[in-house]
Amino acid sequence: MDSGKLRLIAVWGDRRMARYPGVPTLKESGVDIVQTSPWGLVGPRGLDPAIAARLHDAFKQAMATKEFKDVLARYEMEPDYRSAKDYRAFAVDAMKHEKEILDALGLSRQ
């Protein structure tokens, strides 16, 4: 894109990208889709809450570092911190929504 050989016509996130501020989101273009590339850290059921809290705090602290933000920037990503409760709700909702799509396309396993 930077060389001019490709043209970015829309981005999938909920807001425009800092690197390409002139490129609209899909929603701005009339397509009601917002899709990001979320990722999270999960542990096994029954994980000691003290261990979970320690891991949470360490990863949250790492997310605040310049090094972490620089790596994300290479891939046009931004930090998107969510608490354990918020991430769980997000993941459950995303799985439900994606299952509905798979069911509608006849691609889900029954």
N, C-alpha and C. Protein backbone atom coordinates (compact mmCIF):
# COMPACT_ATOMS: atom_id res chain seq x y z
N MET A 1 0.82 -1.19 0.00
CA MET A 1 0.00 0.00 0.00
C MET A 1 0.87 1.25 0.00
N ASP A 2 1.92 1.21 0.77
CA ASP A 2 2.78 2.40 0.83
C ASP A 2 3.45 2.67 -0.51
N SER A 3 3.67 1.63 -1.31
CA SER A 3 4.30 1.82 -2.61
C SER A 3 3.30 2.28 -3.67
N GLY A 4 2.00 2.19 -3.35
CA GLY A 4 0.98 2.59 -4.31
C GLY A 4 0.48 1.46 -5.18
N LYS A 5 1.01 0.26 -5.01
CA LYS A 5 0.58 -0.88 -5.81
C LYS A 5 -0.76 -1.43 -5.36
N LEU A 6 -1.09 -1.22 -4.11
CA LEU A 6 -2.38 -1.63 -3.57
C LEU A 6 -3.07 -0.43 -2.95
N ARG A 7 -4.39 -0.48 -2.93
CA ARG A 7 -5.15 0.61 -2.32
C ARG A 7 -6.06 0.01 -1.25
N LEU A 8 -5.93 0.52 -0.04
CA LEU A 8 -6.76 0.08 1.06
C LEU A 8 -8.10 0.81 0.97
N ILE A 9 -9.19 0.05 0.89
CA ILE A 9 -10.50 0.69 0.70
C ILE A 9 -11.33 0.73 1.97
N ALA A 10 -11.01 -0.10 2.96
CA ALA A 10 -11.75 -0.08 4.23
C ALA A 10 -10.95 -0.87 5.26
N VAL A 11 -11.20 -0.55 6.53
CA VAL A 11 -10.62 -1.32 7.62
C VAL A 11 -11.74 -1.94 8.42
N TRP A 12 -11.47 -3.06 9.07
CA TRP A 12 -12.49 -3.84 9.73
C TRP A 12 -12.74 -3.43 11.17
N GLY A 13 -11.89 -2.63 11.77
CA GLY A 13 -12.03 -2.24 13.17
C GLY A 13 -13.16 -1.26 13.41
N ASP A 14 -13.29 -0.86 14.67
CA ASP A 14 -14.36 0.08 15.01
C ASP A 14 -13.96 1.53 14.82
N ARG A 15 -12.68 1.75 14.49
CA ARG A 15 -12.23 3.12 14.19
C ARG A 15 -11.14 3.07 13.12
N ARG A 16 -10.90 4.20 12.53
CA ARG A 16 -9.89 4.28 11.48
C ARG A 16 -8.49 4.03 12.05
N MET A 17 -7.60 3.57 11.18
CA MET A 17 -6.23 3.30 11.60
C MET A 17 -5.42 4.58 11.59
N ALA A 18 -4.56 4.75 12.59
CA ALA A 18 -3.72 5.95 12.69
C ALA A 18 -2.83 6.09 11.45
N ARG A 19 -2.34 4.98 10.94
CA ARG A 19 -1.44 5.03 9.78
C ARG A 19 -2.17 5.40 8.50
N TYR A 20 -3.46 5.09 8.42
CA TYR A 20 -4.25 5.37 7.22
C TYR A 20 -5.53 6.11 7.61
N PRO A 21 -5.41 7.32 8.09
CA PRO A 21 -6.59 8.02 8.61
C PRO A 21 -7.64 8.34 7.55
N GLY A 22 -7.26 8.33 6.29
CA GLY A 22 -8.21 8.62 5.22
C GLY A 22 -9.02 7.42 4.76
N VAL A 23 -8.74 6.25 5.34
CA VAL A 23 -9.42 5.02 4.94
C VAL A 23 -10.58 4.77 5.92
N PRO A 24 -11.80 4.68 5.41
CA PRO A 24 -12.96 4.50 6.30
C PRO A 24 -13.05 3.09 6.87
N THR A 25 -13.83 2.95 7.92
CA THR A 25 -14.15 1.63 8.45
C THR A 25 -15.23 1.02 7.58
N LEU A 26 -15.43 -0.29 7.71
CA LEU A 26 -16.53 -0.93 6.98
C LEU A 26 -17.86 -0.30 7.36
N LYS A 27 -18.05 -0.03 8.67
CA LYS A 27 -19.31 0.58 9.11
C LYS A 27 -19.53 1.93 8.44
N GLU A 28 -18.46 2.73 8.35
CA GLU A 28 -18.59 4.03 7.68
C GLU A 28 -18.93 3.85 6.20
N SER A 29 -18.55 2.70 5.65
CA SER A 29 -18.81 2.41 4.24
C SER A 29 -20.16 1.74 4.01
N GLY A 30 -20.94 1.56 5.10
CA GLY A 30 -22.27 0.99 4.96
C GLY A 30 -22.35 -0.50 5.20
N VAL A 31 -21.25 -1.12 5.61
CA VAL A 31 -21.25 -2.55 5.89
C VAL A 31 -21.18 -2.71 7.41
N ASP A 32 -22.21 -3.28 8.01
CA ASP A 32 -22.32 -3.34 9.46
C ASP A 32 -21.49 -4.49 10.04
N ILE A 33 -20.17 -4.36 9.90
CA ILE A 33 -19.25 -5.37 10.43
C ILE A 33 -18.11 -4.65 11.14
N VAL A 34 -17.79 -5.14 12.33
CA VAL A 34 -16.58 -4.73 13.04
C VAL A 34 -15.89 -6.02 13.45
N GLN A 35 -14.69 -6.21 13.00
CA GLN A 35 -13.95 -7.44 13.32
C GLN A 35 -12.52 -7.07 13.65
N THR A 36 -12.06 -7.51 14.79
CA THR A 36 -10.67 -7.29 15.18
C THR A 36 -9.98 -8.63 15.33
N SER A 37 -8.74 -8.60 15.72
CA SER A 37 -7.98 -9.83 15.95
C SER A 37 -7.65 -9.92 17.43
N PRO A 38 -8.66 -10.19 18.25
CA PRO A 38 -8.40 -10.23 19.69
C PRO A 38 -7.64 -11.50 20.08
N TRP A 39 -6.97 -11.40 21.17
CA TRP A 39 -6.31 -12.57 21.73
C TRP A 39 -6.24 -12.37 23.23
N GLY A 40 -6.18 -13.45 23.93
CA GLY A 40 -6.16 -13.36 25.37
C GLY A 40 -5.42 -14.54 25.97
N LEU A 41 -5.22 -14.47 27.23
CA LEU A 41 -4.55 -15.53 27.96
C LEU A 41 -5.58 -16.18 28.88
N VAL A 42 -5.69 -17.48 28.80
CA VAL A 42 -6.62 -18.21 29.67
C VAL A 42 -5.86 -19.31 30.39
N GLY A 43 -6.40 -19.72 31.51
CA GLY A 43 -5.78 -20.78 32.28
C GLY A 43 -6.76 -21.91 32.47
N PRO A 44 -6.30 -22.99 33.06
CA PRO A 44 -7.18 -24.14 33.25
C PRO A 44 -8.24 -23.86 34.31
N ARG A 45 -9.36 -24.52 34.19
CA ARG A 45 -10.42 -24.42 35.18
C ARG A 45 -9.84 -24.78 36.54
N GLY A 46 -10.21 -24.04 37.55
CA GLY A 46 -9.74 -24.32 38.90
C GLY A 46 -8.38 -23.73 39.22
N LEU A 47 -7.84 -22.91 38.33
CA LEU A 47 -6.55 -22.26 38.58
C LEU A 47 -6.64 -21.45 39.87
N ASP A 48 -5.66 -21.59 40.71
CA ASP A 48 -5.62 -20.85 41.97
C ASP A 48 -5.78 -19.36 41.67
N PRO A 49 -6.75 -18.68 42.28
CA PRO A 49 -6.97 -17.25 42.02
C PRO A 49 -5.74 -16.38 42.27
N ALA A 50 -4.90 -16.76 43.21
CA ALA A 50 -3.68 -15.98 43.47
C ALA A 50 -2.72 -16.07 42.28
N ILE A 51 -2.63 -17.26 41.68
CA ILE A 51 -1.78 -17.43 40.50
C ILE A 51 -2.37 -16.67 39.32
N ALA A 52 -3.68 -16.77 39.15
CA ALA A 52 -4.34 -16.04 38.06
C ALA A 52 -4.11 -14.54 38.20
N ALA A 53 -4.23 -14.02 39.41
CA ALA A 53 -4.02 -12.59 39.65
C ALA A 53 -2.58 -12.19 39.34
N ARG A 54 -1.64 -13.04 39.74
CA ARG A 54 -0.23 -12.72 39.49
C ARG A 54 0.06 -12.71 37.99
N LEU A 55 -0.45 -13.70 37.27
CA LEU A 55 -0.27 -13.73 35.81
C LEU A 55 -0.94 -12.52 35.16
N HIS A 56 -2.17 -12.23 35.58
CA HIS A 56 -2.89 -11.07 35.05
C HIS A 56 -2.06 -9.80 35.20
N ASP A 57 -1.57 -9.56 36.42
CA ASP A 57 -0.83 -8.34 36.70
C ASP A 57 0.45 -8.26 35.87
N ALA A 58 1.14 -9.39 35.70
CA ALA A 58 2.38 -9.40 34.93
C ALA A 58 2.11 -9.09 33.46
N PHE A 59 1.07 -9.70 32.89
CA PHE A 59 0.77 -9.45 31.48
C PHE A 59 0.22 -8.04 31.26
N LYS A 60 -0.58 -7.55 32.18
CA LYS A 60 -1.09 -6.18 32.06
C LYS A 60 0.06 -5.18 32.11
N GLN A 61 1.01 -5.43 33.00
CA GLN A 61 2.19 -4.56 33.10
C GLN A 61 3.00 -4.62 31.80
N ALA A 62 3.16 -5.81 31.24
CA ALA A 62 3.91 -5.95 29.99
C ALA A 62 3.22 -5.22 28.85
N MET A 63 1.89 -5.21 28.84
CA MET A 63 1.15 -4.52 27.79
C MET A 63 1.40 -3.02 27.79
N ALA A 64 1.82 -2.48 28.92
CA ALA A 64 2.05 -1.03 29.03
C ALA A 64 3.44 -0.62 28.55
N THR A 65 4.29 -1.58 28.20
CA THR A 65 5.65 -1.24 27.82
C THR A 65 5.73 -0.73 26.38
N LYS A 66 6.72 0.07 26.14
CA LYS A 66 6.96 0.59 24.79
C LYS A 66 7.28 -0.57 23.83
N GLU A 67 8.03 -1.54 24.30
CA GLU A 67 8.40 -2.67 23.45
C GLU A 67 7.17 -3.42 22.95
N PHE A 68 6.24 -3.66 23.83
CA PHE A 68 5.01 -4.36 23.44
C PHE A 68 4.24 -3.53 22.41
N LYS A 69 4.08 -2.25 22.69
CA LYS A 69 3.34 -1.37 21.77
C LYS A 69 4.04 -1.27 20.42
N ASP A 70 5.37 -1.29 20.42
CA ASP A 70 6.12 -1.25 19.15
C ASP A 70 5.88 -2.50 18.32
N VAL A 71 5.83 -3.66 18.97
CA VAL A 71 5.56 -4.91 18.24
C VAL A 71 4.15 -4.85 17.64
N LEU A 72 3.17 -4.43 18.42
CA LEU A 72 1.81 -4.33 17.89
C LEU A 72 1.75 -3.36 16.71
N ALA A 73 2.44 -2.25 16.82
CA ALA A 73 2.42 -1.24 15.75
C ALA A 73 2.93 -1.80 14.43
N ARG A 74 3.87 -2.73 14.49
CA ARG A 74 4.37 -3.35 13.25
C ARG A 74 3.25 -4.05 12.48
N TYR A 75 2.23 -4.48 13.19
CA TYR A 75 1.11 -5.20 12.58
C TYR A 75 -0.17 -4.37 12.57
N GLU A 76 0.00 -3.07 12.71
CA GLU A 76 -1.14 -2.13 12.69
C GLU A 76 -2.16 -2.47 13.77
N MET A 77 -1.69 -2.91 14.92
CA MET A 77 -2.58 -3.25 16.02
C MET A 77 -2.35 -2.28 17.17
N GLU A 78 -3.35 -2.18 18.03
CA GLU A 78 -3.25 -1.35 19.22
C GLU A 78 -3.57 -2.21 20.43
N PRO A 79 -3.01 -1.89 21.59
CA PRO A 79 -3.37 -2.65 22.79
C PRO A 79 -4.87 -2.54 23.06
N ASP A 80 -5.46 -3.64 23.47
CA ASP A 80 -6.89 -3.67 23.76
C ASP A 80 -7.08 -4.47 25.04
N TYR A 81 -6.77 -3.84 26.16
CA TYR A 81 -6.86 -4.53 27.45
C TYR A 81 -8.30 -4.73 27.86
N ARG A 82 -8.60 -5.92 28.35
CA ARG A 82 -9.91 -6.23 28.92
C ARG A 82 -9.67 -7.01 30.21
N SER A 83 -10.44 -6.70 31.21
CA SER A 83 -10.35 -7.46 32.46
C SER A 83 -10.76 -8.90 32.18
N ALA A 84 -10.48 -9.79 33.12
CA ALA A 84 -10.86 -11.19 32.95
C ALA A 84 -12.36 -11.32 32.71
N LYS A 85 -13.15 -10.58 33.48
CA LYS A 85 -14.60 -10.64 33.35
C LYS A 85 -15.04 -10.12 31.96
N ASP A 86 -14.46 -9.00 31.54
CA ASP A 86 -14.82 -8.42 30.24
C ASP A 86 -14.37 -9.30 29.09
N TYR A 87 -13.17 -9.89 29.20
CA TYR A 87 -12.69 -10.75 28.12
C TYR A 87 -13.55 -12.00 28.01
N ARG A 88 -13.93 -12.57 29.15
CA ARG A 88 -14.79 -13.76 29.13
C ARG A 88 -16.11 -13.44 28.43
N ALA A 89 -16.73 -12.32 28.80
CA ALA A 89 -18.00 -11.93 28.18
C ALA A 89 -17.82 -11.72 26.68
N PHE A 90 -16.72 -11.07 26.29
CA PHE A 90 -16.42 -10.85 24.87
C PHE A 90 -16.27 -12.19 24.14
N ALA A 91 -15.49 -13.12 24.73
CA ALA A 91 -15.23 -14.41 24.08
C ALA A 91 -16.52 -15.22 23.94
N VAL A 92 -17.33 -15.25 24.98
CA VAL A 92 -18.60 -16.00 24.92
C VAL A 92 -19.50 -15.41 23.83
N ASP A 93 -19.60 -14.09 23.77
CA ASP A 93 -20.42 -13.44 22.75
C ASP A 93 -19.88 -13.72 21.35
N ALA A 94 -18.56 -13.63 21.19
CA ALA A 94 -17.96 -13.88 19.87
C ALA A 94 -18.20 -15.31 19.42
N MET A 95 -18.05 -16.26 20.32
CA MET A 95 -18.28 -17.67 19.95
C MET A 95 -19.73 -17.90 19.55
N LYS A 96 -20.65 -17.27 20.28
CA LYS A 96 -22.08 -17.42 19.95
C LYS A 96 -22.36 -16.84 18.56
N HIS A 97 -21.85 -15.64 18.32
CA HIS A 97 -22.07 -14.98 17.03
C HIS A 97 -21.45 -15.78 15.88
N GLU A 98 -20.22 -16.25 16.09
CA GLU A 98 -19.55 -17.00 15.02
C GLU A 98 -20.23 -18.34 14.78
N LYS A 99 -20.78 -18.97 15.82
CA LYS A 99 -21.52 -20.22 15.63
C LYS A 99 -22.78 -19.97 14.80
N GLU A 100 -23.45 -18.85 15.05
CA GLU A 100 -24.63 -18.51 14.26
C GLU A 100 -24.28 -18.38 12.78
N ILE A 101 -23.14 -17.79 12.49
CA ILE A 101 -22.69 -17.65 11.10
C ILE A 101 -22.41 -19.02 10.50
N LEU A 102 -21.68 -19.85 11.23
CA LEU A 102 -21.38 -21.20 10.75
C LEU A 102 -22.64 -22.02 10.53
N ASP A 103 -23.59 -21.90 11.47
CA ASP A 103 -24.87 -22.61 11.31
C ASP A 103 -25.59 -22.14 10.05
N ALA A 104 -25.64 -20.83 9.84
CA ALA A 104 -26.34 -20.27 8.68
C ALA A 104 -25.69 -20.72 7.37
N LEU A 105 -24.39 -20.95 7.41
CA LEU A 105 -23.67 -21.38 6.20
C LEU A 105 -23.64 -22.91 6.07
N GLY A 106 -24.19 -23.60 7.07
CA GLY A 106 -24.18 -25.05 7.04
C GLY A 106 -22.80 -25.65 7.29
N LEU A 107 -21.97 -24.92 8.00
CA LEU A 107 -20.59 -25.38 8.22
C LEU A 107 -20.31 -25.84 9.64
N SER A 108 -21.29 -25.78 10.52
CA SER A 108 -21.03 -26.16 11.92
C SER A 108 -21.12 -27.66 12.10
N ARG A 109 -20.43 -28.14 13.10
CA ARG A 109 -20.50 -29.56 13.45
C ARG A 109 -21.65 -29.74 14.40
N GLN A 110 -22.49 -30.68 14.13
CA GLN A 110 -23.64 -30.95 15.00
C GLN A 110 -23.38 -32.08 15.94
